[in-house]
Protein backbone atom coordinates (compact mmCIF):
# COMPACT_ATOMS: atom_id res chain seq x y z
CA MET A 1 90.05 82.28 113.08
CA ASN A 2 86.58 82.15 114.62
CA THR A 3 85.81 85.61 116.00
CA THR A 4 82.57 84.63 117.78
CA TYR A 5 84.34 83.18 120.83
CA SER A 6 84.09 85.33 123.92
CA PHE A 7 86.67 85.04 126.69
CA ARG A 8 84.83 84.69 129.99
CA SER A 9 87.28 83.50 132.62
CA LEU A 10 88.92 85.48 135.41
CA LEU A 11 91.69 86.39 132.94
CA ALA A 12 89.39 87.28 130.05
CA GLU A 13 90.21 90.99 129.93
CA ASP A 14 93.93 90.34 130.36
CA ILE A 15 93.93 87.82 127.52
CA LYS A 16 92.11 90.22 125.21
CA ARG A 17 94.53 93.03 126.02
CA TYR A 18 97.47 90.68 125.48
CA LEU A 19 96.14 89.65 122.07
CA ASP A 20 95.58 93.28 121.10
CA PHE A 21 99.12 94.11 122.21
CA LYS A 22 100.66 91.33 120.10
CA ARG A 23 98.58 92.13 117.04
CA ALA A 24 99.50 95.78 117.29
CA THR A 25 103.05 94.68 116.40
CA GLY A 26 101.77 93.19 113.13
CA ARG A 27 101.47 89.57 114.19
CA LYS A 28 98.37 87.55 113.34
CA PHE A 29 98.69 85.47 116.53
CA ASN A 30 95.91 83.06 115.54
CA THR A 31 97.42 79.81 116.82
CA GLU A 32 98.36 81.56 120.05
CA GLU A 33 94.78 82.76 120.47
CA ALA A 34 93.55 79.20 119.99
CA ALA A 35 95.83 78.06 122.83
CA LEU A 36 94.61 80.86 125.10
CA ARG A 37 91.01 79.88 124.34
CA LEU A 38 91.78 76.42 125.67
CA PHE A 39 93.22 77.95 128.81
CA ASP A 40 90.21 80.25 129.18
CA ARG A 41 87.79 77.30 128.94
CA PHE A 42 89.90 75.36 131.44
CA LEU A 43 89.71 78.20 133.98
CA LEU A 44 85.91 78.28 133.63
CA GLU A 45 85.73 74.64 134.72
CA TYR A 46 87.46 75.38 138.04
CA PRO A 47 86.10 77.55 140.89
CA ILE A 48 88.84 80.17 140.52
CA MET A 49 87.65 83.37 142.14
CA ASP A 50 90.89 85.37 142.47
CA LEU A 51 94.39 85.61 141.06
CA ASP A 52 95.91 83.85 144.06
CA ALA A 53 94.38 80.62 142.75
CA LEU A 54 96.69 80.75 139.73
CA THR A 55 99.31 78.39 141.13
CA PRO A 56 102.02 76.30 139.45
CA GLN A 57 99.96 73.22 140.32
CA LEU A 58 97.00 74.59 138.41
CA ILE A 59 99.14 75.22 135.34
CA GLU A 60 100.42 71.63 135.57
CA VAL A 61 96.83 70.35 135.66
CA PHE A 62 95.96 72.40 132.58
CA LEU A 63 98.95 71.15 130.60
CA ALA A 64 98.18 67.57 131.60
CA SER A 65 94.57 67.99 130.49
CA ARG A 66 95.67 68.70 126.92
CA LEU A 67 97.01 65.59 125.23
CA ARG A 68 100.27 66.60 123.59
CA THR A 69 102.28 63.56 122.60
CA ARG A 70 104.72 65.47 120.39
CA PRO A 71 107.27 67.63 122.24
CA ARG A 72 106.88 70.42 119.69
CA SER A 73 103.13 70.63 120.27
CA PHE A 74 103.52 70.58 124.05
CA ASN A 75 106.27 73.20 123.95
CA HIS A 76 104.14 75.51 121.81
CA LEU A 77 101.24 75.35 124.28
CA LEU A 78 103.58 75.86 127.22
CA GLY A 79 105.34 78.71 125.43
CA VAL A 80 102.08 80.57 124.79
CA ILE A 81 101.01 80.31 128.42
CA ARG A 82 104.48 81.26 129.66
CA CYS A 83 104.64 84.37 127.45
CA PHE A 84 101.16 85.45 128.48
CA PHE A 85 102.00 85.29 132.18
CA ALA A 86 105.35 86.99 131.65
CA TRP A 87 103.45 89.85 129.97
CA SER A 88 100.97 89.92 132.87
CA VAL A 89 103.83 90.29 135.35
CA ALA A 90 105.38 93.07 133.25
CA GLN A 91 102.00 94.84 133.25
CA GLY A 92 101.78 94.63 137.03
CA ARG A 93 98.73 92.36 137.00
CA LEU A 94 100.64 89.59 138.75
CA THR A 95 103.64 89.64 141.05
CA TYR A 96 105.06 86.40 139.65
CA SER A 97 104.41 83.90 136.89
CA PRO A 98 102.85 80.60 138.01
CA VAL A 99 104.45 78.72 135.11
CA ARG A 100 107.15 76.35 136.31
CA SER A 101 106.91 73.56 133.75
CA GLN A 102 109.95 72.79 131.60
CA LEU A 103 110.10 72.34 127.86
CA ARG A 104 110.26 68.78 126.62
CA ALA A 105 113.36 67.67 124.77
CA ASP A 106 112.66 67.32 121.07
CA ASN A 107 115.05 64.89 119.42
CA SER A 108 112.82 64.40 116.40
CA ARG A 109 113.72 67.58 114.53
CA ARG A 110 114.25 66.88 110.87
CA PHE A 111 115.82 69.24 108.38
CA PRO A 112 114.08 70.49 105.24
CA TYR A 113 115.14 69.17 101.87
CA ILE A 114 117.35 71.60 99.95
CA PHE A 115 116.98 71.50 96.18
CA LYS A 116 120.07 71.75 94.04
CA PRO A 117 119.89 74.32 91.21
CA GLU A 118 119.86 71.58 88.58
CA GLN A 119 116.91 69.92 90.32
CA VAL A 120 114.95 73.16 90.29
CA GLN A 121 115.77 73.57 86.61
CA HIS A 122 114.41 70.08 85.99
CA ILE A 123 111.22 70.94 87.88
CA LEU A 124 110.74 74.03 85.73
CA ILE A 125 111.23 72.00 82.54
CA ILE A 126 108.62 69.47 83.65
CA ALA A 127 106.23 72.24 84.76
CA ALA A 128 106.54 73.82 81.31
CA GLN A 129 105.12 70.59 79.87
CA LEU A 130 101.99 70.49 82.03
CA PRO A 131 98.89 69.97 79.88
CA ASP A 132 95.73 72.04 80.18
CA ASN A 133 92.51 70.53 81.46
CA SER A 134 88.85 71.53 81.44
CA ARG A 135 89.20 73.54 84.65
CA ALA A 136 92.65 75.01 84.14
CA THR A 137 94.13 76.52 81.02
CA HIS A 138 97.71 77.71 80.49
CA ARG A 139 98.89 75.53 83.37
CA ALA A 140 102.41 75.29 81.98
CA GLU A 141 102.97 79.05 81.90
CA VAL A 142 101.30 79.67 85.26
CA TYR A 143 103.04 76.97 87.28
CA THR A 144 106.44 77.57 85.70
CA LEU A 145 106.42 81.19 86.83
CA ILE A 146 105.01 80.34 90.27
CA PHE A 147 107.79 77.84 91.01
CA ARG A 148 110.39 80.15 89.51
CA LEU A 149 109.33 83.04 91.77
CA MET A 150 109.25 80.87 94.88
CA TYR A 151 112.78 79.65 94.28
CA ALA A 152 114.36 82.82 92.90
CA LEU A 153 112.79 85.20 95.44
CA GLY A 154 112.08 82.91 98.39
CA LEU A 155 108.37 83.75 98.41
CA ARG A 156 105.81 81.92 100.50
CA VAL A 157 103.02 80.19 98.59
CA GLY A 158 100.51 82.36 100.47
CA GLU A 159 102.27 85.45 99.15
CA ILE A 160 102.13 84.02 95.62
CA VAL A 161 98.37 83.45 95.64
CA ARG A 162 97.71 86.94 97.01
CA LEU A 163 99.62 88.68 94.22
CA CYS A 164 97.46 90.77 91.91
CA HIS A 165 98.30 92.62 88.72
CA ALA A 166 98.76 95.91 90.59
CA ASP A 167 101.45 94.28 92.75
CA VAL A 168 103.79 94.06 89.74
CA ASP A 169 105.57 97.41 89.55
CA ARG A 170 106.82 97.47 85.97
CA THR A 171 108.42 100.88 86.38
CA ARG A 172 110.68 99.94 89.28
CA ARG A 173 110.82 96.22 88.40
CA LEU A 174 109.71 94.88 91.74
CA LEU A 175 106.89 92.99 93.43
CA ILE A 176 104.77 94.48 96.19
CA ILE A 177 104.13 91.75 98.76
CA ARG A 178 101.12 92.77 100.84
CA GLN A 179 99.92 91.60 104.25
CA THR A 180 102.59 88.96 104.78
CA LYS A 181 102.98 86.61 107.73
CA PHE A 182 103.49 89.50 110.15
CA GLY A 183 100.85 91.74 108.62
CA LYS A 184 103.31 94.00 106.84
CA ASN A 185 104.05 94.93 103.23
CA ARG A 186 107.46 94.70 101.60
CA LEU A 187 109.06 95.47 98.25
CA VAL A 188 110.96 92.68 96.48
CA PRO A 189 113.31 93.84 93.70
CA ILE A 190 113.72 91.59 90.66
CA GLY A 191 116.82 90.96 88.57
CA PRO A 192 116.85 91.35 84.78
CA LYS A 193 116.69 87.64 83.88
CA LEU A 194 113.75 86.92 86.17
CA TRP A 195 112.03 90.09 85.01
CA GLU A 196 112.10 88.80 81.43
CA HIS A 197 110.03 85.80 82.54
CA ILE A 198 107.56 88.05 84.35
CA GLU A 199 107.18 90.35 81.34
CA ALA A 200 106.63 87.36 79.05
CA TYR A 201 103.93 86.06 81.39
CA LEU A 202 102.19 89.45 81.60
CA THR A 203 102.21 89.75 77.82
CA SER A 204 100.65 86.29 77.45
CA ARG A 205 98.20 86.97 80.25
CA ALA A 206 96.93 90.07 78.44
CA LYS A 207 96.09 87.86 75.46
CA TRP A 208 94.31 85.23 77.57
CA HIS A 209 92.19 87.75 79.49
CA THR A 210 91.55 90.92 77.52
CA GLN A 211 89.35 92.44 80.22
CA TRP A 212 90.97 92.24 83.63
CA GLN A 213 91.33 94.72 86.47
CA SER A 214 94.40 95.79 88.40
CA ASP A 215 93.17 93.94 91.50
CA ASP A 216 92.61 90.66 89.64
CA PRO A 217 94.83 87.82 90.90
CA LEU A 218 98.07 87.41 89.00
CA PHE A 219 97.71 83.62 89.01
CA SER A 220 94.23 82.35 88.28
CA PHE A 221 92.50 79.67 86.21
CA SER A 222 89.07 81.25 86.65
CA ASN A 223 88.45 83.49 83.66
CA GLY A 224 86.01 86.14 84.80
CA LEU A 225 85.59 84.73 88.33
CA ARG A 226 88.62 86.57 89.70
CA LYS A 227 89.61 83.71 91.98
CA PRO A 228 93.29 83.06 92.69
CA ILE A 229 94.70 79.55 92.57
CA ARG A 230 94.47 77.91 95.97
CA SER A 231 97.69 77.21 97.87
CA GLU A 232 96.68 73.58 98.22
CA THR A 233 96.30 73.24 94.44
CA ILE A 234 99.79 74.62 93.86
CA SER A 235 101.23 72.26 96.47
CA GLN A 236 99.49 69.23 94.96
CA THR A 237 100.75 70.08 91.49
CA PHE A 238 104.29 70.46 92.82
CA HIS A 239 104.14 67.05 94.54
CA HIS A 240 102.97 65.43 91.30
CA LEU A 241 106.13 66.69 89.58
CA LEU A 242 108.60 65.42 92.17
CA PRO A 243 108.58 61.70 91.21
CA LYS A 244 109.91 62.72 87.81
CA ILE A 245 113.21 64.04 89.20
CA GLU A 246 115.95 62.22 91.10
CA ILE A 247 115.65 62.89 94.82
CA THR A 248 117.48 61.15 97.65
CA CYS A 249 116.66 62.16 101.21
CA ASN A 250 119.38 61.69 103.78
CA GLU A 251 118.61 60.44 107.27
CA GLY A 252 117.11 63.25 109.32
CA THR A 253 115.80 65.11 106.26
CA ASN A 254 112.13 65.56 105.51
CA PRO A 255 110.77 64.62 102.09
CA PRO A 256 110.73 67.64 99.76
CA CYS A 257 107.68 69.88 99.69
CA LEU A 258 106.70 73.18 98.10
CA HIS A 259 108.03 75.24 101.02
CA CYS A 260 111.47 73.71 100.45
CA LEU A 261 111.86 76.09 97.50
CA ARG A 262 111.98 78.93 100.03
CA HIS A 263 114.52 77.06 102.17
CA SER A 264 116.60 76.40 99.07
CA PHE A 265 116.57 80.10 98.16
CA ALA A 266 118.00 81.02 101.58
CA VAL A 267 120.73 78.36 101.45
CA GLN A 268 121.73 79.18 97.87
CA THR A 269 121.95 82.87 98.79
CA LEU A 270 124.27 82.05 101.68
CA LEU A 271 126.34 79.84 99.40
CA ARG A 272 126.74 82.64 96.84
CA TRP A 273 127.93 84.96 99.60
CA TYR A 274 130.57 82.50 100.70
CA ARG A 275 131.81 82.03 97.15
CA SER A 276 131.88 85.80 96.59
CA GLY A 277 133.95 86.40 99.70
CA ILE A 278 131.08 88.03 101.59
CA HIS A 279 130.78 87.18 105.27
CA PRO A 280 127.17 86.03 105.90
CA SER A 281 126.92 87.95 109.18
CA GLN A 282 127.30 91.20 107.22
CA LYS A 283 124.27 90.44 105.05
CA LEU A 284 121.96 88.35 107.21
CA LEU A 285 119.78 91.32 108.13
CA HIS A 286 119.35 92.07 104.41
CA LEU A 287 118.26 88.48 103.77
CA SER A 288 115.88 88.61 106.72
CA THR A 289 114.24 91.77 105.37
CA PHE A 290 114.07 90.38 101.84
CA MET A 291 112.31 87.23 103.05
CA GLY A 292 109.85 89.16 105.20
CA HIS A 293 111.06 87.97 108.59
CA SER A 294 110.70 90.04 111.74
CA ASP A 295 114.33 89.42 112.72
CA PRO A 296 117.41 87.42 111.61
CA THR A 297 116.67 84.75 114.20
CA SER A 298 113.67 83.64 112.14
CA THR A 299 115.84 83.53 109.03
CA SER A 300 118.42 81.29 110.69
CA TRP A 301 115.90 78.42 110.70
CA TYR A 302 116.11 78.39 106.90
CA LEU A 303 119.89 78.20 106.79
CA THR A 304 120.33 74.45 106.87
CA ILE A 305 123.94 73.31 106.73
CA THR A 306 124.52 71.46 103.46
CA ASP A 307 127.63 69.74 102.13
CA ASP A 308 128.28 72.67 99.78
CA LEU A 309 127.97 75.21 102.58
CA LEU A 310 130.22 73.18 104.85
CA ALA A 311 132.84 72.87 102.11
CA GLU A 312 132.82 76.62 101.50
CA ALA A 313 133.05 77.35 105.22
CA ASN A 314 136.01 74.95 105.51
CA ARG A 315 137.77 76.60 102.59
CA ARG A 316 137.30 80.02 104.16
CA PHE A 317 138.68 78.73 107.46
CA GLU A 318 141.68 77.20 105.73
CA ARG A 319 142.44 80.49 103.96
CA LEU A 320 142.11 82.39 107.24
CA ALA A 321 144.26 79.88 109.12
CA GLY A 322 146.87 79.96 106.36
CA SER A 323 147.15 83.73 106.49
CA VAL A 324 147.45 83.68 110.28
CA LEU A 325 150.21 81.05 110.20
CA LYS A 326 152.04 83.02 107.53
CA GLU A 327 151.96 86.14 109.68
CA VAL A 328 153.49 84.33 112.67
CA GLY A 329 156.11 82.68 110.47
CA ILE A 330 154.91 79.09 110.64
């Protein structure tokens, strides 16, 4: 985010305080700041001398001045402005919010692709066969562990590239995920089978790079340069593997991408709970914390209903209904 921009409109100080308030909660708030910059520039173009000039009509003019053909894009801009003015009212700066516009209906929402376990296994087999090239050695070992961690732990690719050697706690068998999406750190415990893969990688890594520091990136092709693999490079490599496995996207489902490994982790976790007799509502907060979300509402976006989940939910309902009917003698 460009930090050289200076807010200069009538609401400049309020916007800066609002951004400071949001970031104090651990949020990066970069896209929201970009939207507020647009609003700040818009206010500079109009002769607005006092707060009384902030009318619903003015907000409508601003929204119309920004071409937003996609409902999601329009709703994001409107949502940022609406939240800012709601905060301003709560702070006593305004007596009411001038935002009256309504969200646009978005009928274009498509669901993420959910990988089946056997598909992920196939991806890992193919990744283990990746050849080295002049700019990247040990590609097979590196990418196999990256994709394995993203699926088994639900990590974001940004969290993967920021991992350094010191983030692997070999005593407690966990990963330290630093400065995540909401600016917080979290500890991610690792099961014994996955830990074996991590230990094997660390052992091999020590042979590849005999002199490396604790803050060196865990995944890097730059021997001595201490540069982590770029997220875009990981994503491109993942996409090159996909044509080699059988994938069929249903209507309303997006083509698979790297982030779908994280979605698949969440869905497979929910499925295991169902099959173990655990009610998801009892564990959703645990999953939310594990994935680094600020609240379970954010996690719910990842819980796409699949055929397997629907079947398990139906079986649970049938068992519950059967026991109820038995109790009433039917």
